[in-house]
Amino acid sequence: MPSIQHLVILAIVVLVLFGRGRISEFMGDFGKGIKSFKEGMADENNRNASSPAPAPAQIAPQTAAPAEPAARQADAAKN
C-alpha cells in the first residue's frame, strides 16, 4: 500500500510533467464527457418511457379441417 509520501511525490511528478493547465483541461473534458453520457442515458430512458412497448404478436391457433365421415372417405376411394 503506498504511503502518503509516495502519493505526494507522484502528484508532484505529474504536475511537473503535465503542468497545472493541462490537468485541469483534461479533468474539464472528462467532466463534460460524463455529463454528456448522463444526458444521453436520461434521453434514452425518457424515450422508452414515453413510447409504449409494442404488444406481443398473437399467434392464431391452427384449426384442423373438419374430419369427413368414414363413409364419405370410403365412397371417394371407390370412385
C-alpha atoms as a PDB file:
ATOM      1  CA  MET A   1       0.000   0.000   0.000  1.00  0.00           C
ATOM      2  CA  PRO A   2       1.543   3.341  -0.986  1.00  0.00           C
ATOM      3  CA  SER A   3       2.147   5.777   1.790  1.00  0.00           C
ATOM      4  CA  ILE A   4       1.200   9.449   1.816  1.00  0.00           C
ATOM      5  CA  GLN A   5       4.800  10.365   0.944  1.00  0.00           C
ATOM      6  CA  HIS A   6       4.675   8.254  -2.214  1.00  0.00           C
ATOM      7  CA  LEU A   7       1.401   9.824  -3.288  1.00  0.00           C
ATOM      8  CA  VAL A   8       2.746  13.359  -2.729  1.00  0.00           C
ATOM      9  CA  ILE A   9       5.878  12.616  -4.772  1.00  0.00           C
ATOM     10  CA  LEU A  10       3.740  11.091  -7.526  1.00  0.00           C
ATOM     11  CA  ALA A  11       1.464  14.168  -7.567  1.00  0.00           C
ATOM     12  CA  ILE A  12       4.496  16.485  -7.855  1.00  0.00           C
ATOM     13  CA  VAL A  13       5.921  14.445 -10.750  1.00  0.00           C
ATOM     14  CA  VAL A  14       2.575  14.504 -12.564  1.00  0.00           C
ATOM     15  CA  LEU A  15       2.292  18.286 -12.081  1.00  0.00           C
ATOM     16  CA  VAL A  16       5.814  18.828 -13.406  1.00  0.00           C
ATOM     17  CA  LEU A  17       5.256  16.616 -16.453  1.00  0.00           C
ATOM     18  CA  PHE A  18       1.817  17.851 -17.465  1.00  0.00           C
ATOM     19  CA  GLY A  19       1.515  21.249 -15.823  1.00  0.00           C
ATOM     20  CA  ARG A  20      -1.468  22.577 -13.951  1.00  0.00           C
ATOM     21  CA  GLY A  21      -3.259  23.810 -17.087  1.00  0.00           C
ATOM     22  CA  ARG A  22      -3.249  20.520 -18.916  1.00  0.00           C
ATOM     23  CA  ILE A  23      -4.518  18.583 -15.909  1.00  0.00           C
ATOM     24  CA  SER A  24      -7.419  20.980 -15.347  1.00  0.00           C
ATOM     25  CA  GLU A  25      -8.200  20.891 -19.085  1.00  0.00           C
ATOM     26  CA  PHE A  26      -8.203  17.103 -19.029  1.00  0.00           C
ATOM     27  CA  MET A  27     -10.445  16.975 -15.970  1.00  0.00           C
ATOM     28  CA  GLY A  28     -12.826  19.512 -17.554  1.00  0.00           C
ATOM     29  CA  ASP A  29     -13.115  17.379 -20.693  1.00  0.00           C
ATOM     30  CA  PHE A  30     -13.624  14.311 -18.546  1.00  0.00           C
ATOM     31  CA  GLY A  31     -16.456  16.039 -16.649  1.00  0.00           C
ATOM     32  CA  LYS A  32     -18.109  17.164 -19.913  1.00  0.00           C
ATOM     33  CA  GLY A  33     -17.970  13.600 -21.185  1.00  0.00           C
ATOM     34  CA  ILE A  34     -19.643  12.245 -18.070  1.00  0.00           C
ATOM     35  CA  LYS A  35     -22.328  14.950 -18.244  1.00  0.00           C
ATOM     36  CA  SER A  36     -22.996  14.154 -21.902  1.00  0.00           C
ATOM     37  CA  PHE A  37     -23.237  10.455 -21.093  1.00  0.00           C
ATOM     38  CA  LYS A  38     -25.756  11.076 -18.302  1.00  0.00           C
ATOM     39  CA  GLU A  39     -27.875  13.301 -20.561  1.00  0.00           C
ATOM     40  CA  GLY A  40     -27.835  10.616 -23.238  1.00  0.00           C
ATOM     41  CA  MET A  41     -28.944   7.978 -20.759  1.00  0.00           C
ATOM     42  CA  ALA A  42     -31.744  10.248 -19.483  1.00  0.00           C
ATOM     43  CA  ASP A  43     -32.916  10.900 -23.055  1.00  0.00           C
ATOM     44  CA  GLU A  44     -32.947   7.172 -23.772  1.00  0.00           C
ATOM     45  CA  ASN A  45     -34.953   6.469 -20.598  1.00  0.00           C
ATOM     46  CA  ASN A  46     -37.437   9.246 -21.430  1.00  0.00           C
ATOM     47  CA  ARG A  47     -37.835   7.935 -24.971  1.00  0.00           C
ATOM     48  CA  ASN A  48     -38.510   4.412 -23.691  1.00  0.00           C
ATOM     49  CA  ALA A  49     -40.953   5.646 -21.056  1.00  0.00           C
ATOM     50  CA  SER A  50     -42.927   7.871 -23.452  1.00  0.00           C
ATOM     51  CA  SER A  51     -43.400   5.294 -26.207  1.00  0.00           C
ATOM     52  CA  PRO A  52     -45.372   2.223 -25.168  1.00  0.00           C
ATOM     53  CA  ALA A  53     -43.799  -1.119 -25.749  1.00  0.00           C
ATOM     54  CA  PRO A  54     -45.164  -2.943 -28.775  1.00  0.00           C
ATOM     55  CA  ALA A  55     -47.782  -5.524 -27.959  1.00  0.00           C
ATOM     56  CA  PRO A  56     -46.543  -9.061 -28.298  1.00  0.00           C
ATOM     57  CA  ALA A  57     -47.611 -10.709 -31.527  1.00  0.00           C
ATOM     58  CA  GLN A  58     -50.525 -13.037 -31.097  1.00  0.00           C
ATOM     59  CA  ILE A  59     -50.415 -16.301 -32.942  1.00  0.00           C
ATOM     60  CA  ALA A  60     -53.765 -17.541 -34.135  1.00  0.00           C
ATOM     61  CA  PRO A  61     -54.437 -21.130 -33.130  1.00  0.00           C
ATOM     62  CA  GLN A  62     -54.398 -23.546 -36.025  1.00  0.00           C
ATOM     63  CA  THR A  63     -57.722 -25.193 -36.615  1.00  0.00           C
ATOM     64  CA  ALA A  64     -57.861 -28.577 -38.209  1.00  0.00           C
ATOM     65  CA  ALA A  65     -60.183 -29.136 -41.144  1.00  0.00           C
ATOM     66  CA  PRO A  66     -63.333 -30.938 -40.096  1.00  0.00           C
ATOM     67  CA  ALA A  67     -62.933 -34.666 -40.423  1.00  0.00           C
ATOM     68  CA  GLU A  68     -65.022 -36.339 -43.091  1.00  0.00           C
ATOM     69  CA  PRO A  69     -67.141 -39.235 -42.043  1.00  0.00           C
ATOM     70  CA  ALA A  70     -65.687 -42.630 -42.797  1.00  0.00           C
ATOM     71  CA  ALA A  71     -68.493 -43.424 -45.259  1.00  0.00           C
ATOM     72  CA  ARG A  72     -67.592 -40.435 -47.471  1.00  0.00           C
ATOM     73  CA  GLN A  73     -63.955 -41.385 -47.428  1.00  0.00           C
ATOM     74  CA  ALA A  74     -64.829 -44.952 -48.448  1.00  0.00           C
ATOM     75  CA  ASP A  75     -67.081 -43.683 -51.276  1.00  0.00           C
ATOM     76  CA  ALA A  76     -64.361 -41.368 -52.525  1.00  0.00           C
ATOM     77  CA  ALA A  77     -61.880 -44.238 -52.535  1.00  0.00           C
ATOM     78  CA  LYS A  78     -64.176 -46.396 -54.698  1.00  0.00           C
ATOM     79  CA  ASN A  79     -64.591 -43.726 -57.381  1.00  0.00           C
END
